Amino acid sequence: MRRPRARAAPIEDTMHLLVSAATAASTPTPTLEVDPDLVTPGVWGFAIIVFVTLAVILLVWDMLRRIRRGRVRADIAEELDAEEAARRESEGAEGVDEDGEAPREPRDRD
């Protein structure tokens, strides 16, 4: 016949003590002391959020419009500079006047 182990009883007793100690020290349930009407944002909070959202949308729209306008102006200035450089290059290479005709040679009067 086998003899029961001597160590099993102290472990079970220790576990029983831990479980009973944990259940004896229960935590109290929290009670609601704050009025929910004072904590929620309400109608005014919703109105302010809508106002801020509309303000941000309008500011972003205006910013994008200004950026687009600046890009168009830069593109136009670049095209005008390229046309001016091409016109100066063609005048210098071909000897053409501003009116687009070749300069006339002066005639000798005899």
PDB file of N, CA and C in Angstrom:
ATOM      1  N   MET A   1       0.808  -1.149   0.000  1.00  0.00           N
ATOM      2  CA  MET A   1       0.000   0.000   0.000  1.00  0.00           C
ATOM      3  C   MET A   1       0.882   1.254   0.000  1.00  0.00           C
ATOM      4  N   ARG A   2       0.428   2.235  -0.752  1.00  0.00           N
ATOM      5  CA  ARG A   2       1.222   3.452  -0.871  1.00  0.00           C
ATOM      6  C   ARG A   2       0.879   4.435   0.223  1.00  0.00           C
ATOM      7  N   ARG A   3       1.856   5.157   0.542  1.00  0.00           N
ATOM      8  CA  ARG A   3       1.649   6.191   1.540  1.00  0.00           C
ATOM      9  C   ARG A   3       1.418   7.524   0.817  1.00  0.00           C
ATOM     10  N   PRO A   4       0.515   8.333   1.273  1.00  0.00           N
ATOM     11  CA  PRO A   4       0.305   9.638   0.620  1.00  0.00           C
ATOM     12  C   PRO A   4       1.505  10.545   0.854  1.00  0.00           C
ATOM     13  N   ARG A   5       1.713  11.386  -0.094  1.00  0.00           N
ATOM     14  CA  ARG A   5       2.847  12.307   0.009  1.00  0.00           C
ATOM     15  C   ARG A   5       2.588  13.338   1.098  1.00  0.00           C
ATOM     16  N   ALA A   6       3.618  13.682   1.742  1.00  0.00           N
ATOM     17  CA  ALA A   6       3.494  14.630   2.844  1.00  0.00           C
ATOM     18  C   ALA A   6       3.393  16.070   2.328  1.00  0.00           C
ATOM     19  N   ARG A   7       3.868  16.327   1.142  1.00  0.00           N
ATOM     20  CA  ARG A   7       3.894  17.692   0.617  1.00  0.00           C
ATOM     21  C   ARG A   7       2.547  18.130   0.041  1.00  0.00           C
ATOM     22  N   ALA A   8       1.683  17.261  -0.308  1.00  0.00           N
ATOM     23  CA  ALA A   8       0.426  17.618  -0.951  1.00  0.00           C
ATOM     24  C   ALA A   8      -0.466  18.412  -0.019  1.00  0.00           C
ATOM     25  N   ALA A   9      -0.516  18.077   1.211  1.00  0.00           N
ATOM     26  CA  ALA A   9      -1.402  18.757   2.152  1.00  0.00           C
ATOM     27  C   ALA A   9      -1.010  20.213   2.376  1.00  0.00           C
ATOM     28  N   PRO A  10       0.259  20.543   2.588  1.00  0.00           N
ATOM     29  CA  PRO A  10       0.598  21.955   2.795  1.00  0.00           C
ATOM     30  C   PRO A  10       0.308  22.822   1.567  1.00  0.00           C
ATOM     31  N   ILE A  11       0.479  22.284   0.362  1.00  0.00           N
ATOM     32  CA  ILE A  11       0.208  23.072  -0.843  1.00  0.00           C
ATOM     33  C   ILE A  11      -1.288  23.353  -0.957  1.00  0.00           C
ATOM     34  N   GLU A  12      -2.100  22.335  -0.680  1.00  0.00           N
ATOM     35  CA  GLU A  12      -3.547  22.538  -0.742  1.00  0.00           C
ATOM     36  C   GLU A  12      -4.006  23.516   0.327  1.00  0.00           C
ATOM     37  N   ASP A  13      -3.407  23.436   1.494  1.00  0.00           N
ATOM     38  CA  ASP A  13      -3.767  24.373   2.555  1.00  0.00           C
ATOM     39  C   ASP A  13      -3.381  25.807   2.177  1.00  0.00           C
ATOM     40  N   THR A  14      -2.226  25.949   1.564  1.00  0.00           N
ATOM     41  CA  THR A  14      -1.772  27.276   1.153  1.00  0.00           C
ATOM     42  C   THR A  14      -2.700  27.860   0.092  1.00  0.00           C
ATOM     43  N   MET A  15      -3.090  27.047  -0.882  1.00  0.00           N
ATOM     44  CA  MET A  15      -3.999  27.509  -1.930  1.00  0.00           C
ATOM     45  C   MET A  15      -5.351  27.893  -1.336  1.00  0.00           C
ATOM     46  N   HIS A  16      -5.813  27.088  -0.370  1.00  0.00           N
ATOM     47  CA  HIS A  16      -7.087  27.383   0.276  1.00  0.00           C
ATOM     48  C   HIS A  16      -7.007  28.717   1.017  1.00  0.00           C
ATOM     49  N   LEU A  17      -5.890  28.983   1.666  1.00  0.00           N
ATOM     50  CA  LEU A  17      -5.712  30.250   2.370  1.00  0.00           C
ATOM     51  C   LEU A  17      -5.679  31.436   1.400  1.00  0.00           C
ATOM     52  N   LEU A  18      -5.005  31.279   0.264  1.00  0.00           N
ATOM     53  CA  LEU A  18      -4.926  32.362  -0.721  1.00  0.00           C
ATOM     54  C   LEU A  18      -6.297  32.680  -1.313  1.00  0.00           C
ATOM     55  N   VAL A  19      -7.063  31.635  -1.631  1.00  0.00           N
ATOM     56  CA  VAL A  19      -8.394  31.849  -2.206  1.00  0.00           C
ATOM     57  C   VAL A  19      -9.310  32.510  -1.194  1.00  0.00           C
ATOM     58  N   SER A  20      -9.268  32.061   0.043  1.00  0.00           N
ATOM     59  CA  SER A  20     -10.140  32.651   1.068  1.00  0.00           C
ATOM     60  C   SER A  20      -9.733  34.089   1.370  1.00  0.00           C
ATOM     61  N   ALA A  21      -8.438  34.404   1.315  1.00  0.00           N
ATOM     62  CA  ALA A  21      -7.983  35.772   1.558  1.00  0.00           C
ATOM     63  C   ALA A  21      -8.403  36.692   0.412  1.00  0.00           C
ATOM     64  N   ALA A  22      -8.372  36.182  -0.802  1.00  0.00           N
ATOM     65  CA  ALA A  22      -8.748  36.995  -1.951  1.00  0.00           C
ATOM     66  C   ALA A  22     -10.235  37.296  -1.956  1.00  0.00           C
ATOM     67  N   THR A  23     -11.049  36.331  -1.557  1.00  0.00           N
ATOM     68  CA  THR A  23     -12.493  36.561  -1.544  1.00  0.00           C
ATOM     69  C   THR A  23     -12.930  37.379  -0.347  1.00  0.00           C
ATOM     70  N   ALA A  24     -12.182  37.359   0.728  1.00  0.00           N
ATOM     71  CA  ALA A  24     -12.555  38.115   1.924  1.00  0.00           C
ATOM     72  C   ALA A  24     -12.352  39.606   1.707  1.00  0.00           C
ATOM     73  N   ALA A  25     -11.325  39.997   0.964  1.00  0.00           N
ATOM     74  CA  ALA A  25     -11.024  41.408   0.725  1.00  0.00           C
ATOM     75  C   ALA A  25     -11.632  41.833  -0.610  1.00  0.00           C
ATOM     76  N   SER A  26     -12.934  41.909  -0.671  1.00  0.00           N
ATOM     77  CA  SER A  26     -13.579  42.308  -1.924  1.00  0.00           C
ATOM     78  C   SER A  26     -13.542  43.831  -2.055  1.00  0.00           C
ATOM     79  N   THR A  27     -13.512  44.298  -3.268  1.00  0.00           N
ATOM     80  CA  THR A  27     -13.464  45.736  -3.525  1.00  0.00           C
ATOM     81  C   THR A  27     -14.885  46.277  -3.585  1.00  0.00           C
ATOM     82  N   PRO A  28     -15.100  47.448  -3.060  1.00  0.00           N
ATOM     83  CA  PRO A  28     -16.446  48.022  -3.119  1.00  0.00           C
ATOM     84  C   PRO A  28     -16.777  48.454  -4.551  1.00  0.00           C
ATOM     85  N   THR A  29     -18.028  48.387  -4.901  1.00  0.00           N
ATOM     86  CA  THR A  29     -18.444  48.808  -6.239  1.00  0.00           C
ATOM     87  C   THR A  29     -18.521  50.327  -6.276  1.00  0.00           C
ATOM     88  N   PRO A  30     -18.024  50.936  -7.339  1.00  0.00           N
ATOM     89  CA  PRO A  30     -18.054  52.405  -7.415  1.00  0.00           C
ATOM     90  C   PRO A  30     -19.483  52.903  -7.632  1.00  0.00           C
ATOM     91  N   THR A  31     -19.767  54.021  -7.048  1.00  0.00           N
ATOM     92  CA  THR A  31     -21.086  54.628  -7.217  1.00  0.00           C
ATOM     93  C   THR A  31     -20.962  55.861  -8.098  1.00  0.00           C
ATOM     94  N   LEU A  32     -21.982  56.161  -8.862  1.00  0.00           N
ATOM     95  CA  LEU A  32     -21.992  57.300  -9.765  1.00  0.00           C
ATOM     96  C   LEU A  32     -22.378  58.550  -8.978  1.00  0.00           C
ATOM     97  N   GLU A  33     -21.437  59.476  -8.840  1.00  0.00           N
ATOM     98  CA  GLU A  33     -21.679  60.686  -8.069  1.00  0.00           C
ATOM     99  C   GLU A  33     -21.792  61.919  -8.947  1.00  0.00           C
ATOM    100  N   VAL A  34     -21.488  61.821 -10.239  1.00  0.00           N
ATOM    101  CA  VAL A  34     -21.481  62.967 -11.137  1.00  0.00           C
ATOM    102  C   VAL A  34     -22.785  62.985 -11.924  1.00  0.00           C
ATOM    103  N   ASP A  35     -23.342  64.160 -12.089  1.00  0.00           N
ATOM    104  CA  ASP A  35     -24.564  64.313 -12.869  1.00  0.00           C
ATOM    105  C   ASP A  35     -24.225  64.150 -14.352  1.00  0.00           C
ATOM    106  N   PRO A  36     -24.829  63.201 -15.064  1.00  0.00           N
ATOM    107  CA  PRO A  36     -24.492  62.986 -16.479  1.00  0.00           C
ATOM    108  C   PRO A  36     -24.789  64.194 -17.359  1.00  0.00           C
ATOM    109  N   ASP A  37     -25.722  65.045 -16.966  1.00  0.00           N
ATOM    110  CA  ASP A  37     -26.029  66.236 -17.764  1.00  0.00           C
ATOM    111  C   ASP A  37     -24.897  67.258 -17.715  1.00  0.00           C
ATOM    112  N   LEU A  38     -24.125  67.247 -16.650  1.00  0.00           N
ATOM    113  CA  LEU A  38     -23.011  68.180 -16.538  1.00  0.00           C
ATOM    114  C   LEU A  38     -21.762  67.683 -17.245  1.00  0.00           C
ATOM    115  N   VAL A  39     -21.695  66.421 -17.560  1.00  0.00           N
ATOM    116  CA  VAL A  39     -20.500  65.839 -18.160  1.00  0.00           C
ATOM    117  C   VAL A  39     -20.599  65.782 -19.682  1.00  0.00           C
ATOM    118  N   THR A  40     -21.768  65.575 -20.222  1.00  0.00           N
ATOM    119  CA  THR A  40     -21.936  65.454 -21.673  1.00  0.00           C
ATOM    120  C   THR A  40     -21.841  66.827 -22.327  1.00  0.00           C
ATOM    121  N   PRO A  41     -21.410  66.901 -23.586  1.00  0.00           N
ATOM    122  CA  PRO A  41     -21.231  68.199 -24.241  1.00  0.00           C
ATOM    123  C   PRO A  41     -22.547  68.926 -24.516  1.00  0.00           C
ATOM    124  N   GLY A  42     -23.593  68.216 -24.811  1.00  0.00           N
ATOM    125  CA  GLY A  42     -24.885  68.848 -25.036  1.00  0.00           C
ATOM    126  C   GLY A  42     -24.975  69.537 -26.384  1.00  0.00           C
ATOM    127  N   VAL A  43     -25.976  70.378 -26.519  1.00  0.00           N
ATOM    128  CA  VAL A  43     -26.242  71.066 -27.791  1.00  0.00           C
ATOM    129  C   VAL A  43     -25.159  72.093 -28.091  1.00  0.00           C
ATOM    130  N   TRP A  44     -24.712  72.824 -27.062  1.00  0.00           N
ATOM    131  CA  TRP A  44     -23.682  73.839 -27.293  1.00  0.00           C
ATOM    132  C   TRP A  44     -22.356  73.209 -27.718  1.00  0.00           C
ATOM    133  N   GLY A  45     -22.016  72.101 -27.144  1.00  0.00           N
ATOM    134  CA  GLY A  45     -20.786  71.414 -27.556  1.00  0.00           C
ATOM    135  C   GLY A  45     -20.866  70.963 -28.997  1.00  0.00           C
ATOM    136  N   PHE A  46     -22.005  70.431 -29.395  1.00  0.00           N
ATOM    137  CA  PHE A  46     -22.196  70.014 -30.785  1.00  0.00           C
ATOM    138  C   PHE A  46     -22.107  71.217 -31.722  1.00  0.00           C
ATOM    139  N   ALA A  47     -22.727  72.335 -31.341  1.00  0.00           N
ATOM    140  CA  ALA A  47     -22.704  73.533 -32.189  1.00  0.00           C
ATOM    141  C   ALA A  47     -21.282  74.067 -32.351  1.00  0.00           C
ATOM    142  N   ILE A  48     -20.509  74.051 -31.288  1.00  0.00           N
ATOM    143  CA  ILE A  48     -19.129  74.548 -31.373  1.00  0.00           C
ATOM    144  C   ILE A  48     -18.285  73.640 -32.258  1.00  0.00           C
ATOM    145  N   ILE A  49     -18.462  72.331 -32.151  1.00  0.00           N
ATOM    146  CA  ILE A  49     -17.713  71.396 -32.996  1.00  0.00           C
ATOM    147  C   ILE A  49     -18.070  71.607 -34.465  1.00  0.00           C
ATOM    148  N   VAL A  50     -19.345  71.822 -34.773  1.00  0.00           N
ATOM    149  CA  VAL A  50     -19.765  72.085 -36.155  1.00  0.00           C
ATOM    150  C   VAL A  50     -19.138  73.381 -36.652  1.00  0.00           C
ATOM    151  N   PHE A  51     -19.129  74.420 -35.825  1.00  0.00           N
ATOM    152  CA  PHE A  51     -18.535  75.699 -36.207  1.00  0.00           C
ATOM    153  C   PHE A  51     -17.040  75.557 -36.491  1.00  0.00           C
ATOM    154  N   VAL A  52     -16.320  74.872 -35.627  1.00  0.00           N
ATOM    155  CA  VAL A  52     -14.874  74.677 -35.830  1.00  0.00           C
ATOM    156  C   VAL A  52     -14.620  73.860 -37.094  1.00  0.00           C
ATOM    157  N   THR A  53     -15.435  72.842 -37.338  1.00  0.00           N
ATOM    158  CA  THR A  53     -15.278  72.022 -38.543  1.00  0.00           C
ATOM    159  C   THR A  53     -15.487  72.857 -39.797  1.00  0.00           C
ATOM    160  N   LEU A  54     -16.531  73.676 -39.822  1.00  0.00           N
ATOM    161  CA  LEU A  54     -16.777  74.535 -40.985  1.00  0.00           C
ATOM    162  C   LEU A  54     -15.650  75.546 -41.179  1.00  0.00           C
ATOM    163  N   ALA A  55     -15.131  76.100 -40.097  1.00  0.00           N
ATOM    164  CA  ALA A  55     -14.027  77.054 -40.203  1.00  0.00           C
ATOM    165  C   ALA A  55     -12.788  76.392 -40.790  1.00  0.00           C
ATOM    166  N   VAL A  56     -12.484  75.185 -40.362  1.00  0.00           N
ATOM    167  CA  VAL A  56     -11.314  74.468 -40.890  1.00  0.00           C
ATOM    168  C   VAL A  56     -11.506  74.162 -42.372  1.00  0.00           C
ATOM    169  N   ILE A  57     -12.702  73.728 -42.756  1.00  0.00           N
ATOM    170  CA  ILE A  57     -12.965  73.422 -44.167  1.00  0.00           C
ATOM    171  C   ILE A  57     -12.790  74.674 -45.024  1.00  0.00           C
ATOM    172  N   LEU A  58     -13.320  75.813 -44.575  1.00  0.00           N
ATOM    173  CA  LEU A  58     -13.186  77.053 -45.343  1.00  0.00           C
ATOM    174  C   LEU A  58     -11.732  77.515 -45.421  1.00  0.00           C
ATOM    175  N   LEU A  59     -10.983  77.369 -44.347  1.00  0.00           N
ATOM    176  CA  LEU A  59      -9.569  77.759 -44.373  1.00  0.00           C
ATOM    177  C   LEU A  59      -8.759  76.885 -45.324  1.00  0.00           C
ATOM    178  N   VAL A  60      -9.016  75.594 -45.330  1.00  0.00           N
ATOM    179  CA  VAL A  60      -8.304  74.690 -46.241  1.00  0.00           C
ATOM    180  C   VAL A  60      -8.669  75.009 -47.684  1.00  0.00           C
ATOM    181  N   TRP A  61      -9.933  75.282 -47.937  1.00  0.00           N
ATOM    182  CA  TRP A  61     -10.376  75.618 -49.291  1.00  0.00           C
ATOM    183  C   TRP A  61      -9.678  76.893 -49.776  1.00  0.00           C
ATOM    184  N   ASP A  62      -9.614  77.923 -48.936  1.00  0.00           N
ATOM    185  CA  ASP A  62      -8.953  79.168 -49.301  1.00  0.00           C
ATOM    186  C   ASP A  62      -7.460  78.957 -49.526  1.00  0.00           C
ATOM    187  N   MET A  63      -6.828  78.159 -48.682  1.00  0.00           N
ATOM    188  CA  MET A  63      -5.399  77.892 -48.837  1.00  0.00           C
ATOM    189  C   MET A  63      -5.111  77.191 -50.164  1.00  0.00           C
ATOM    190  N   LEU A  64      -5.927  76.192 -50.504  1.00  0.00           N
ATOM    191  CA  LEU A  64      -5.723  75.480 -51.766  1.00  0.00           C
ATOM    192  C   LEU A  64      -5.930  76.409 -52.957  1.00  0.00           C
ATOM    193  N   ARG A  65      -6.901  77.315 -52.860  1.00  0.00           N
ATOM    194  CA  ARG A  65      -7.144  78.271 -53.947  1.00  0.00           C
ATOM    195  C   ARG A  65      -5.937  79.186 -54.130  1.00  0.00           C
ATOM    196  N   ARG A  66      -5.363  79.652 -53.039  1.00  0.00           N
ATOM    197  CA  ARG A  66      -4.193  80.534 -53.133  1.00  0.00           C
ATOM    198  C   ARG A  66      -2.971  79.791 -53.682  1.00  0.00           C
ATOM    199  N   ILE A  67      -2.793  78.549 -53.281  1.00  0.00           N
ATOM    200  CA  ILE A  67      -1.671  77.757 -53.801  1.00  0.00           C
ATOM    201  C   ILE A  67      -1.835  77.543 -55.297  1.00  0.00           C
ATOM    202  N   ARG A  68      -3.053  77.210 -55.726  1.00  0.00           N
ATOM    203  CA  ARG A  68      -3.323  76.995 -57.146  1.00  0.00           C
ATOM    204  C   ARG A  68      -3.067  78.280 -57.936  1.00  0.00           C
ATOM    205  N   ARG A  69      -3.499  79.424 -57.410  1.00  0.00           N
ATOM    206  CA  ARG A  69      -3.291  80.705 -58.080  1.00  0.00           C
ATOM    207  C   ARG A  69      -1.796  81.010 -58.214  1.00  0.00           C
ATOM    208  N   GLY A  70      -1.031  80.731 -57.184  1.00  0.00           N
ATOM    209  CA  GLY A  70       0.415  80.954 -57.245  1.00  0.00           C
ATOM    210  C   GLY A  70       1.089  80.065 -58.274  1.00  0.00           C
ATOM    211  N   ARG A  71       0.637  78.821 -58.387  1.00  0.00           N
ATOM    212  CA  ARG A  71       1.210  77.914 -59.386  1.00  0.00           C
ATOM    213  C   ARG A  71       0.912  78.393 -60.797  1.00  0.00           C
ATOM    214  N   VAL A  72      -0.313  78.858 -61.033  1.00  0.00           N
ATOM    215  CA  VAL A  72      -0.681  79.339 -62.367  1.00  0.00           C
ATOM    216  C   VAL A  72       0.144  80.565 -62.717  1.00  0.00           C
ATOM    217  N   ARG A  73       0.306  81.475 -61.777  1.00  0.00           N
ATOM    218  CA  ARG A  73       1.124  82.668 -62.036  1.00  0.00           C
ATOM    219  C   ARG A  73       2.570  82.288 -62.337  1.00  0.00           C
ATOM    220  N   ALA A  74       3.109  81.327 -61.621  1.00  0.00           N
ATOM    221  CA  ALA A  74       4.490  80.895 -61.870  1.00  0.00           C
ATOM    222  C   ALA A  74       4.611  80.247 -63.246  1.00  0.00           C
ATOM    223  N   ASP A  75       3.614  79.450 -63.640  1.00  0.00           N
ATOM    224  CA  ASP A  75       3.645  78.823 -64.968  1.00  0.00           C
ATOM    225  C   ASP A  75       3.578  79.873 -66.069  1.00  0.00           C
ATOM    226  N   ILE A  76       2.727  80.886 -65.908  1.00  0.00           N
ATOM    227  CA  ILE A  76       2.612  81.943 -66.915  1.00  0.00           C
ATOM    228  C   ILE A  76       3.911  82.731 -66.996  1.00  0.00           C
ATOM    229  N   ALA A  77       4.502  83.061 -65.863  1.00  0.00           N
ATOM    230  CA  ALA A  77       5.773  83.798 -65.867  1.00  0.00           C
ATOM    231  C   ALA A  77       6.870  82.976 -66.533  1.00  0.00           C
ATOM    232  N   GLU A  78       6.880  81.681 -66.307  1.00  0.00           N
ATOM    233  CA  GLU A  78       7.880  80.809 -66.935  1.00  0.00           C
ATOM    234  C   GLU A  78       7.691  80.772 -68.447  1.00  0.00           C
ATOM    235  N   GLU A  79       6.443  80.684 -68.908  1.00  0.00           N
ATOM    236  CA  GLU A  79       6.180  80.673 -70.350  1.00  0.00           C
ATOM    237  C   GLU A  79       6.584  81.998 -70.988  1.00  0.00           C
ATOM    238  N   LEU A  80       6.278  83.121 -70.335  1.00  0.00           N
ATOM    239  CA  LEU A  80       6.658  84.426 -70.879  1.00  0.00           C
ATOM    240  C   LEU A  80       8.176  84.574 -70.944  1.00  0.00           C
ATOM    241  N   ASP A  81       8.871  84.109 -69.926  1.00  0.00           N
ATOM    242  CA  ASP A  81      10.335  84.168 -69.944  1.00  0.00           C
ATOM    243  C   ASP A  81      10.904  83.312 -71.068  1.00  0.00           C
ATOM    244  N   ALA A  82      10.325  82.137 -71.293  1.00  0.00           N
ATOM    245  CA  ALA A  82      10.804  81.264 -72.370  1.00  0.00           C
ATOM    246  C   ALA A  82      10.544  81.898 -73.729  1.00  0.00           C
ATOM    247  N   GLU A  83       9.383  82.528 -73.919  1.00  0.00           N
ATOM    248  CA  GLU A  83       9.086  83.193 -75.189  1.00  0.00           C
ATOM    249  C   GLU A  83      10.021  84.371 -75.418  1.00  0.00           C
ATOM    250  N   GLU A  84      10.290  85.143 -74.377  1.00  0.00           N
ATOM    251  CA  GLU A  84      11.204  86.286 -74.493  1.00  0.00           C
ATOM    252  C   GLU A  84      12.617  85.819 -74.839  1.00  0.00           C
ATOM    253  N   ALA A  85      13.070  84.749 -74.205  1.00  0.00           N
ATOM    254  CA  ALA A  85      14.407  84.228 -74.503  1.00  0.00           C
ATOM    255  C   ALA A  85      14.472  83.691 -75.928  1.00  0.00           C
ATOM    256  N   ALA A  86      13.418  83.039 -76.387  1.00  0.00           N
ATOM    257  CA  ALA A  86      13.402  82.526 -77.756  1.00  0.00           C
ATOM    258  C   ALA A  86      13.382  83.669 -78.760  1.00  0.00           C
ATOM    259  N   ARG A  87      12.643  84.729 -78.471  1.00  0.00           N
ATOM    260  CA  ARG A  87      12.589  85.880 -79.381  1.00  0.00           C
ATOM    261  C   ARG A  87      13.946  86.566 -79.452  1.00  0.00           C
ATOM    262  N   ARG A  88      14.606  86.755 -78.329  1.00  0.00           N
ATOM    263  CA  ARG A  88      15.933  87.384 -78.333  1.00  0.00           C
ATOM    264  C   ARG A  88      16.950  86.519 -79.069  1.00  0.00           C
ATOM    265  N   GLU A  89      16.849  85.215 -78.897  1.00  0.00           N
ATOM    266  CA  GLU A  89      17.777  84.309 -79.580  1.00  0.00           C
ATOM    267  C   GLU A  89      17.566  84.356 -81.092  1.00  0.00           C
ATOM    268  N   SER A  90      16.323  84.391 -81.529  1.00  0.00           N
ATOM    269  CA  SER A  90      16.059  84.425 -82.971  1.00  0.00           C
ATOM    270  C   SER A  90      16.459  85.770 -83.563  1.00  0.00           C
ATOM    271  N   GLU A  91      16.323  86.871 -82.828  1.00  0.00           N
ATOM    272  CA  GLU A  91      16.747  88.178 -83.324  1.00  0.00           C
ATOM    273  C   GLU A  91      18.255  88.234 -83.486  1.00  0.00           C
ATOM    274  N   GLY A  92      18.962  87.722 -82.531  1.00  0.00           N
ATOM    275  CA  GLY A  92      20.418  87.769 -82.583  1.00  0.00           C
ATOM    276  C   GLY A  92      20.987  86.860 -83.656  1.00  0.00           C
ATOM    277  N   ALA A  93      20.386  85.724 -83.900  1.00  0.00           N
ATOM    278  CA  ALA A  93      20.921  84.759 -84.856  1.00  0.00           C
ATOM    279  C   ALA A  93      20.583  85.131 -86.291  1.00  0.00           C
ATOM    280  N   GLU A  94      19.402  85.664 -86.539  1.00  0.00           N
ATOM    281  CA  GLU A  94      18.980  85.919 -87.909  1.00  0.00           C
ATOM    282  C   GLU A  94      19.127  87.374 -88.307  1.00  0.00           C
ATOM    283  N   GLY A  95      19.374  88.246 -87.379  1.00  0.00           N
ATOM    284  CA  GLY A  95      19.490  89.654 -87.710  1.00  0.00           C
ATOM    285  C   GLY A  95      18.150  90.256 -88.084  1.00  0.00           C
ATOM    286  N   VAL A  96      17.128  89.910 -87.404  1.00  0.00           N
ATOM    287  CA  VAL A  96      15.781  90.395 -87.692  1.00  0.00           C
ATOM    288  C   VAL A  96      15.467  91.544 -86.748  1.00  0.00           C
ATOM    289  N   ASP A  97      14.811  92.582 -87.295  1.00  0.00           N
ATOM    290  CA  ASP A  97      14.396  93.716 -86.472  1.00  0.00           C
ATOM    291  C   ASP A  97      13.228  93.323 -85.576  1.00  0.00           C
ATOM    292  N   GLU A  98      12.813  94.288 -84.770  1.00  0.00           N
ATOM    293  CA  GLU A  98      11.690  94.032 -83.881  1.00  0.00           C
ATOM    294  C   GLU A  98      10.391  93.826 -84.641  1.00  0.00           C
ATOM    295  N   ASP A  99      10.290  94.442 -85.840  1.00  0.00           N
ATOM    296  CA  ASP A  99       9.061  94.287 -86.607  1.00  0.00           C
ATOM    297  C   ASP A  99       9.029  92.980 -87.388  1.00  0.00           C
ATOM    298  N   GLY A 100      10.074  92.186 -87.302  1.00  0.00           N
ATOM    299  CA  GLY A 100      10.092  90.877 -87.937  1.00  0.00           C
ATOM    300  C   GLY A 100      10.706  90.870 -89.326  1.00  0.00           C
ATOM    301  N   GLU A 101      11.219  92.037 -89.825  1.00  0.00           N
ATOM    302  CA  GLU A 101      11.831  92.100 -91.158  1.00  0.00           C
ATOM    303  C   GLU A 101      13.342  92.246 -91.020  1.00  0.00           C
ATOM    304  N   ALA A 102      14.039  91.807 -92.066  1.00  0.00           N
ATOM    305  CA  ALA A 102      15.497  91.925 -92.077  1.00  0.00           C
ATOM    306  C   ALA A 102      15.872  93.394 -92.257  1.00  0.00           C
ATOM    307  N   PRO A 103      16.963  93.849 -91.654  1.00  0.00           N
ATOM    308  CA  PRO A 103      17.359  95.260 -91.813  1.00  0.00           C
ATOM    309  C   PRO A 103      17.764  95.552 -93.262  1.00  0.00           C
ATOM    310  N   ARG A 104      17.457  96.768 -93.721  1.00  0.00           N
ATOM    311  CA  ARG A 104      17.781  97.160 -95.105  1.00  0.00           C
ATOM    312  C   ARG A 104      19.177  97.757 -95.148  1.00  0.00           C
ATOM    313  N   GLU A 105      19.826  97.503 -96.252  1.00  0.00           N
ATOM    314  CA  GLU A 105      21.168  98.052 -96.481  1.00  0.00           C
ATOM    315  C   GLU A 105      21.017  99.477 -97.032  1.00  0.00           C
ATOM    316  N   PRO A 106      21.771 100.410 -96.534  1.00  0.00           N
ATOM    317  CA  PRO A 106      21.677 101.776 -97.089  1.00  0.00           C
ATOM    318  C   PRO A 106      22.234 101.803 -98.514  1.00  0.00           C
ATOM    319  N   ARG A 107      21.587 102.591 -99.421  1.00  0.00           N
ATOM    320  CA  ARG A 107      22.038 102.709-100.817  1.00  0.00           C
ATOM    321  C   ARG A 107      22.981 103.898-100.943  1.00  0.00           C
ATOM    322  N   ASP A 108      23.922 103.757-101.848  1.00  0.00           N
ATOM    323  CA  ASP A 108      24.845 104.867-102.142  1.00  0.00           C
ATOM    324  C   ASP A 108      24.180 105.809-103.134  1.00  0.00           C
ATOM    325  N   ARG A 109      24.274 107.093-102.885  1.00  0.00           N
ATOM    326  CA  ARG A 109      23.729 108.069-103.817  1.00  0.00           C
ATOM    327  C   ARG A 109      24.865 108.598-104.666  1.00  0.00           C
ATOM    328  N   ASP A 110      24.848 108.366-105.877  1.00  0.00           N
ATOM    329  CA  ASP A 110      25.888 108.865-106.798  1.00  0.00           C
ATOM    330  C   ASP A 110      25.328 109.823-107.775  1.00  0.00           C
TER     331      ASP A 110
END
